Amino acid sequence: MGIYGGAFDPPHKAHVALARAAQQQLSLSQLRVIPTGDAWHKTRTLTHATHRRRMAELAFAALPGVVVDPIEMQRTGPSYTLDTLQALQLSQPADQWWLVLGQDQLERLPTWHGWQTLLAGVHLAVAPRGSGPCRLPPGAQPLDFRVLEFVPQVVSATALREAATHGRLPALADKLPTPVMQYIMTHQLYQP
């Protein structure tokens, strides 16, 4: 089983490519895509959970075995990956869990709530982002650590939101799954 969390504000093609790579290389029976709830680490306000969940469902719909799980959106208070993992492990204690993340998040792990406890109970799969080798932070001891074969893609949710704000999103259509692009346009998300 895999866990792949994030704001997904909006989910883009690099998110989908990472999910696909994790499924294939880890032989996952299921990958849970988990849009964050109350993002304690974000300084900006996230797009409403209803929209982020629906965009994630649209983005990952073509990948069999991927389930968008609203577990963090249903929880009150700050969303911590540790709490999410523990809840999932309680509900499915026989499963092995892989935490899928990008190299940028690997480098930020020491800022995560209960990160050492989290890693002690999960296998870790990391997608490189071209900023040098993927290395565990000092003190990190996951059950297993793998670097995924993944070609970094130049796309960011921040740039996509900014493009939408300035009416330039159609120019970046190749960075978004078509249904997500249509959803953003229909609901006029990221408008000033």
C-alpha atoms as a PDB file:
ATOM      1  CA  MET A   1       0.000   0.000   0.000  1.00  0.00           C
ATOM      2  CA  GLY A   2       1.207   3.486  -0.750  1.00  0.00           C
ATOM      3  CA  ILE A   3       0.510   6.942   0.638  1.00  0.00           C
ATOM      4  CA  TYR A   4       1.068   9.999  -1.511  1.00  0.00           C
ATOM      5  CA  GLY A   5       0.040  13.235   0.145  1.00  0.00           C
ATOM      6  CA  GLY A   6       0.135  16.870  -0.811  1.00  0.00           C
ATOM      7  CA  ALA A   7      -1.894  20.017  -1.237  1.00  0.00           C
ATOM      8  CA  PHE A   8      -2.677  19.127  -4.878  1.00  0.00           C
ATOM      9  CA  ASP A   9      -3.590  22.765  -5.409  1.00  0.00           C
ATOM     10  CA  PRO A  10      -3.838  22.026  -8.338  1.00  0.00           C
ATOM     11  CA  PRO A  11      -2.696  18.484  -9.131  1.00  0.00           C
ATOM     12  CA  HIS A  12      -0.558  18.504 -12.279  1.00  0.00           C
ATOM     13  CA  LYS A  13       1.000  16.016 -14.660  1.00  0.00           C
ATOM     14  CA  ALA A  14       4.165  15.594 -12.579  1.00  0.00           C
ATOM     15  CA  HIS A  15       1.992  14.463  -9.642  1.00  0.00           C
ATOM     16  CA  VAL A  16       0.335  11.891 -11.895  1.00  0.00           C
ATOM     17  CA  ALA A  17       3.678  10.736 -13.308  1.00  0.00           C
ATOM     18  CA  LEU A  18       5.060  10.220  -9.795  1.00  0.00           C
ATOM     19  CA  ALA A  19       1.980   8.207  -8.791  1.00  0.00           C
ATOM     20  CA  ARG A  20       2.393   6.024 -11.886  1.00  0.00           C
ATOM     21  CA  ALA A  21       6.116   5.491 -11.204  1.00  0.00           C
ATOM     22  CA  ALA A  22       5.439   4.531  -7.586  1.00  0.00           C
ATOM     23  CA  GLN A  23       2.736   2.052  -8.581  1.00  0.00           C
ATOM     24  CA  GLN A  24       4.932   0.371 -11.154  1.00  0.00           C
ATOM     25  CA  GLN A  25       8.235   0.303  -9.279  1.00  0.00           C
ATOM     26  CA  LEU A  26       6.870  -0.624  -5.862  1.00  0.00           C
ATOM     27  CA  SER A  27       4.234  -3.083  -7.136  1.00  0.00           C
ATOM     28  CA  LEU A  28       1.606  -1.370  -5.005  1.00  0.00           C
ATOM     29  CA  SER A  29      -1.794  -3.007  -4.684  1.00  0.00           C
ATOM     30  CA  GLN A  30      -3.215   0.441  -3.954  1.00  0.00           C
ATOM     31  CA  LEU A  31      -1.934   4.000  -3.789  1.00  0.00           C
ATOM     32  CA  ARG A  32      -3.831   6.408  -1.565  1.00  0.00           C
ATOM     33  CA  VAL A  33      -3.593   9.973  -2.785  1.00  0.00           C
ATOM     34  CA  ILE A  34      -4.265  12.121   0.259  1.00  0.00           C
ATOM     35  CA  PRO A  35      -4.988  15.823  -0.214  1.00  0.00           C
ATOM     36  CA  THR A  36      -3.930  17.637   2.926  1.00  0.00           C
ATOM     37  CA  GLY A  37      -6.499  19.023   5.315  1.00  0.00           C
ATOM     38  CA  ASP A  38      -5.368  21.869   7.568  1.00  0.00           C
ATOM     39  CA  ALA A  39      -1.854  22.407   6.233  1.00  0.00           C
ATOM     40  CA  TRP A  40       0.050  23.614   9.304  1.00  0.00           C
ATOM     41  CA  HIS A  41       3.187  24.228   7.213  1.00  0.00           C
ATOM     42  CA  LYS A  42       1.600  26.432   4.516  1.00  0.00           C
ATOM     43  CA  THR A  43       1.640  30.203   4.871  1.00  0.00           C
ATOM     44  CA  ARG A  44      -1.056  30.666   2.227  1.00  0.00           C
ATOM     45  CA  THR A  45      -4.679  29.607   2.390  1.00  0.00           C
ATOM     46  CA  LEU A  46      -5.350  26.511   0.336  1.00  0.00           C
ATOM     47  CA  THR A  47      -8.170  26.269  -2.164  1.00  0.00           C
ATOM     48  CA  HIS A  48     -11.283  24.826  -0.513  1.00  0.00           C
ATOM     49  CA  ALA A  49     -10.998  21.106   0.241  1.00  0.00           C
ATOM     50  CA  THR A  50     -13.993  20.245  -1.954  1.00  0.00           C
ATOM     51  CA  HIS A  51     -12.254  21.631  -5.034  1.00  0.00           C
ATOM     52  CA  ARG A  52      -8.852  20.078  -4.241  1.00  0.00           C
ATOM     53  CA  ARG A  53     -10.426  16.681  -3.648  1.00  0.00           C
ATOM     54  CA  ARG A  54     -12.394  16.817  -6.903  1.00  0.00           C
ATOM     55  CA  MET A  55      -9.352  17.958  -8.894  1.00  0.00           C
ATOM     56  CA  ALA A  56      -7.335  15.078  -7.410  1.00  0.00           C
ATOM     57  CA  GLU A  57     -10.077  12.616  -8.353  1.00  0.00           C
ATOM     58  CA  LEU A  58     -10.031  13.956 -11.911  1.00  0.00           C
ATOM     59  CA  ALA A  59      -6.223  13.984 -12.146  1.00  0.00           C
ATOM     60  CA  PHE A  60      -5.688  10.416 -10.936  1.00  0.00           C
ATOM     61  CA  ALA A  61      -8.828   8.807 -12.425  1.00  0.00           C
ATOM     62  CA  ALA A  62      -6.917   7.111 -15.246  1.00  0.00           C
ATOM     63  CA  LEU A  63      -4.624   5.224 -12.867  1.00  0.00           C
ATOM     64  CA  PRO A  64      -6.115   1.910 -11.722  1.00  0.00           C
ATOM     65  CA  GLY A  65      -5.412   1.222  -8.074  1.00  0.00           C
ATOM     66  CA  VAL A  66      -5.249   4.895  -7.106  1.00  0.00           C
ATOM     67  CA  VAL A  67      -7.810   6.055  -4.551  1.00  0.00           C
ATOM     68  CA  VAL A  68      -8.216   9.672  -3.485  1.00  0.00           C
ATOM     69  CA  ASP A  69      -8.661   9.436   0.274  1.00  0.00           C
ATOM     70  CA  PRO A  70     -10.154  12.437   2.133  1.00  0.00           C
ATOM     71  CA  ILE A  71      -8.922  11.205   5.534  1.00  0.00           C
ATOM     72  CA  GLU A  72      -7.019  14.424   6.304  1.00  0.00           C
ATOM     73  CA  MET A  73      -9.798  16.676   5.035  1.00  0.00           C
ATOM     74  CA  GLN A  74     -12.220  14.976   7.428  1.00  0.00           C
ATOM     75  CA  ARG A  75      -9.971  15.514  10.444  1.00  0.00           C
ATOM     76  CA  THR A  76     -10.158  18.713  12.477  1.00  0.00           C
ATOM     77  CA  GLY A  77      -6.982  20.523  13.432  1.00  0.00           C
ATOM     78  CA  PRO A  78      -3.589  20.372  11.747  1.00  0.00           C
ATOM     79  CA  SER A  79      -2.904  17.547   9.279  1.00  0.00           C
ATOM     80  CA  TYR A  80       0.132  15.515  10.180  1.00  0.00           C
ATOM     81  CA  THR A  81       1.322  12.631   8.023  1.00  0.00           C
ATOM     82  CA  LEU A  82       2.183  10.703  11.183  1.00  0.00           C
ATOM     83  CA  ASP A  83      -1.471  10.767  12.325  1.00  0.00           C
ATOM     84  CA  THR A  84      -2.662   9.725   8.876  1.00  0.00           C
ATOM     85  CA  LEU A  85      -0.229   6.819   8.660  1.00  0.00           C
ATOM     86  CA  GLN A  86      -1.134   5.597  12.145  1.00  0.00           C
ATOM     87  CA  ALA A  87      -4.864   5.715  11.335  1.00  0.00           C
ATOM     88  CA  LEU A  88      -4.324   3.777   8.106  1.00  0.00           C
ATOM     89  CA  GLN A  89      -2.108   1.220   9.826  1.00  0.00           C
ATOM     90  CA  LEU A  90      -4.789   0.681  12.490  1.00  0.00           C
ATOM     91  CA  SER A  91      -7.441   0.108   9.837  1.00  0.00           C
ATOM     92  CA  GLN A  92      -5.213  -2.243   7.808  1.00  0.00           C
ATOM     93  CA  PRO A  93      -2.590  -3.678  10.179  1.00  0.00           C
ATOM     94  CA  ALA A  94      -1.473  -6.492   7.860  1.00  0.00           C
ATOM     95  CA  ASP A  95      -0.378  -4.125   5.074  1.00  0.00           C
ATOM     96  CA  GLN A  96       3.090  -2.745   4.381  1.00  0.00           C
ATOM     97  CA  TRP A  97       2.978   1.014   3.841  1.00  0.00           C
ATOM     98  CA  TRP A  98       5.134   3.057   1.477  1.00  0.00           C
ATOM     99  CA  LEU A  99       5.323   6.829   1.827  1.00  0.00           C
ATOM    100  CA  VAL A 100       5.854   8.363  -1.618  1.00  0.00           C
ATOM    101  CA  LEU A 101       7.346  11.842  -1.787  1.00  0.00           C
ATOM    102  CA  GLY A 102       9.570  14.114  -3.810  1.00  0.00           C
ATOM    103  CA  GLN A 103      13.160  14.940  -3.011  1.00  0.00           C
ATOM    104  CA  ASP A 104      12.121  18.428  -1.891  1.00  0.00           C
ATOM    105  CA  GLN A 105       9.984  16.909   0.872  1.00  0.00           C
ATOM    106  CA  LEU A 106      12.727  14.441   1.814  1.00  0.00           C
ATOM    107  CA  GLU A 107      14.973  17.420   2.499  1.00  0.00           C
ATOM    108  CA  ARG A 108      12.242  18.997   4.682  1.00  0.00           C
ATOM    109  CA  LEU A 109      11.539  15.843   6.705  1.00  0.00           C
ATOM    110  CA  PRO A 110      13.207  17.127   9.891  1.00  0.00           C
ATOM    111  CA  THR A 111      10.551  19.890   9.998  1.00  0.00           C
ATOM    112  CA  TRP A 112       7.668  17.372   9.952  1.00  0.00           C
ATOM    113  CA  HIS A 113       5.757  16.612  13.137  1.00  0.00           C
ATOM    114  CA  GLY A 114       7.027  13.326  14.629  1.00  0.00           C
ATOM    115  CA  TRP A 115       9.130  12.606  11.549  1.00  0.00           C
ATOM    116  CA  GLN A 116      11.409  10.023  13.187  1.00  0.00           C
ATOM    117  CA  THR A 117       8.428   8.097  14.567  1.00  0.00           C
ATOM    118  CA  LEU A 118       6.781   8.312  11.150  1.00  0.00           C
ATOM    119  CA  LEU A 119       9.822   6.883   9.366  1.00  0.00           C
ATOM    120  CA  ALA A 120      10.203   4.066  11.879  1.00  0.00           C
ATOM    121  CA  GLY A 121       6.851   2.690  10.698  1.00  0.00           C
ATOM    122  CA  VAL A 122       6.973   3.171   6.948  1.00  0.00           C
ATOM    123  CA  HIS A 123       8.940   2.316   3.833  1.00  0.00           C
ATOM    124  CA  LEU A 124      10.093   5.422   1.977  1.00  0.00           C
ATOM    125  CA  ALA A 125      10.089   5.980  -1.801  1.00  0.00           C
ATOM    126  CA  VAL A 126      11.544   9.233  -3.120  1.00  0.00           C
ATOM    127  CA  ALA A 127      11.384  10.829  -6.559  1.00  0.00           C
ATOM    128  CA  PRO A 128      14.541  12.760  -7.477  1.00  0.00           C
ATOM    129  CA  ARG A 129      14.136  16.388  -8.512  1.00  0.00           C
ATOM    130  CA  GLY A 130      17.548  17.011 -10.011  1.00  0.00           C
ATOM    131  CA  SER A 131      19.017  18.804  -6.978  1.00  0.00           C
ATOM    132  CA  GLY A 132      21.738  16.292  -6.223  1.00  0.00           C
ATOM    133  CA  PRO A 133      21.502  12.784  -4.787  1.00  0.00           C
ATOM    134  CA  CYS A 134      18.567  11.742  -2.613  1.00  0.00           C
ATOM    135  CA  ARG A 135      19.943  11.316   0.883  1.00  0.00           C
ATOM    136  CA  LEU A 136      18.167  10.615   4.124  1.00  0.00           C
ATOM    137  CA  PRO A 137      18.499  13.314   6.768  1.00  0.00           C
ATOM    138  CA  PRO A 138      20.678  12.446   9.781  1.00  0.00           C
ATOM    139  CA  GLY A 139      18.746  10.298  12.224  1.00  0.00           C
ATOM    140  CA  ALA A 140      16.289   8.996   9.622  1.00  0.00           C
ATOM    141  CA  GLN A 141      15.673   5.264   9.836  1.00  0.00           C
ATOM    142  CA  PRO A 142      12.814   4.168   7.579  1.00  0.00           C
ATOM    143  CA  LEU A 143      11.984   0.479   7.268  1.00  0.00           C
ATOM    144  CA  ASP A 144      13.263   0.687   3.681  1.00  0.00           C
ATOM    145  CA  PHE A 145      14.463   3.505   1.424  1.00  0.00           C
ATOM    146  CA  ARG A 146      14.231   3.557  -2.352  1.00  0.00           C
ATOM    147  CA  VAL A 147      14.931   6.216  -4.928  1.00  0.00           C
ATOM    148  CA  LEU A 148      12.395   5.879  -7.717  1.00  0.00           C
ATOM    149  CA  GLU A 149      13.433   5.979 -11.350  1.00  0.00           C
ATOM    150  CA  PHE A 150      11.754   9.241 -12.244  1.00  0.00           C
ATOM    151  CA  VAL A 151      12.574  11.976 -14.703  1.00  0.00           C
ATOM    152  CA  PRO A 152      12.013  15.323 -12.954  1.00  0.00           C
ATOM    153  CA  GLN A 153       9.442  17.515 -14.661  1.00  0.00           C
ATOM    154  CA  VAL A 154       9.537  21.287 -14.722  1.00  0.00           C
ATOM    155  CA  VAL A 155       6.104  22.204 -13.379  1.00  0.00           C
ATOM    156  CA  SER A 156       4.900  23.736 -10.155  1.00  0.00           C
ATOM    157  CA  ALA A 157       1.466  24.252  -8.667  1.00  0.00           C
ATOM    158  CA  THR A 158       2.566  27.764  -7.653  1.00  0.00           C
ATOM    159  CA  ALA A 159       3.283  28.695 -11.278  1.00  0.00           C
ATOM    160  CA  LEU A 160      -0.022  27.183 -12.403  1.00  0.00           C
ATOM    161  CA  ARG A 161      -1.991  29.161  -9.789  1.00  0.00           C
ATOM    162  CA  GLU A 162      -0.183  32.344 -10.772  1.00  0.00           C
ATOM    163  CA  ALA A 163      -0.882  31.723 -14.467  1.00  0.00           C
ATOM    164  CA  ALA A 164      -4.586  31.211 -13.708  1.00  0.00           C
ATOM    165  CA  THR A 165      -4.669  34.421 -11.672  1.00  0.00           C
ATOM    166  CA  HIS A 166      -3.318  36.361 -14.663  1.00  0.00           C
ATOM    167  CA  GLY A 167      -5.434  34.618 -17.304  1.00  0.00           C
ATOM    168  CA  ARG A 168      -2.481  32.684 -18.766  1.00  0.00           C
ATOM    169  CA  LEU A 169      -3.474  29.171 -17.715  1.00  0.00           C
ATOM    170  CA  PRO A 170      -4.349  27.982 -21.266  1.00  0.00           C
ATOM    171  CA  ALA A 171      -0.697  28.539 -22.204  1.00  0.00           C
ATOM    172  CA  LEU A 172       0.248  25.919 -19.606  1.00  0.00           C
ATOM    173  CA  ALA A 173      -2.421  23.383 -20.570  1.00  0.00           C
ATOM    174  CA  ASP A 174       0.270  20.781 -21.298  1.00  0.00           C
ATOM    175  CA  LYS A 175       1.186  20.797 -17.586  1.00  0.00           C
ATOM    176  CA  LEU A 176      -2.312  19.837 -16.362  1.00  0.00           C
ATOM    177  CA  PRO A 177      -4.528  16.809 -16.950  1.00  0.00           C
ATOM    178  CA  THR A 178      -7.281  18.037 -19.280  1.00  0.00           C
ATOM    179  CA  PRO A 179     -10.135  17.367 -16.804  1.00  0.00           C
ATOM    180  CA  VAL A 180      -8.309  19.400 -14.139  1.00  0.00           C
ATOM    181  CA  MET A 181      -7.798  22.279 -16.557  1.00  0.00           C
ATOM    182  CA  GLN A 182     -11.500  22.204 -17.431  1.00  0.00           C
ATOM    183  CA  TYR A 183     -12.464  22.105 -13.752  1.00  0.00           C
ATOM    184  CA  ILE A 184     -10.279  25.120 -12.936  1.00  0.00           C
ATOM    185  CA  MET A 185     -11.782  27.081 -15.825  1.00  0.00           C
ATOM    186  CA  THR A 186     -15.383  26.076 -15.045  1.00  0.00           C
ATOM    187  CA  HIS A 187     -15.098  26.963 -11.364  1.00  0.00           C
ATOM    188  CA  GLN A 188     -12.877  30.003 -11.992  1.00  0.00           C
ATOM    189  CA  LEU A 189     -10.365  28.847  -9.422  1.00  0.00           C
ATOM    190  CA  TYR A 190      -7.318  30.940  -8.566  1.00  0.00           C
ATOM    191  CA  GLN A 191      -8.975  34.132  -9.802  1.00  0.00           C
ATOM    192  CA  PRO A 192      -8.168  37.335  -7.904  1.00  0.00           C
END
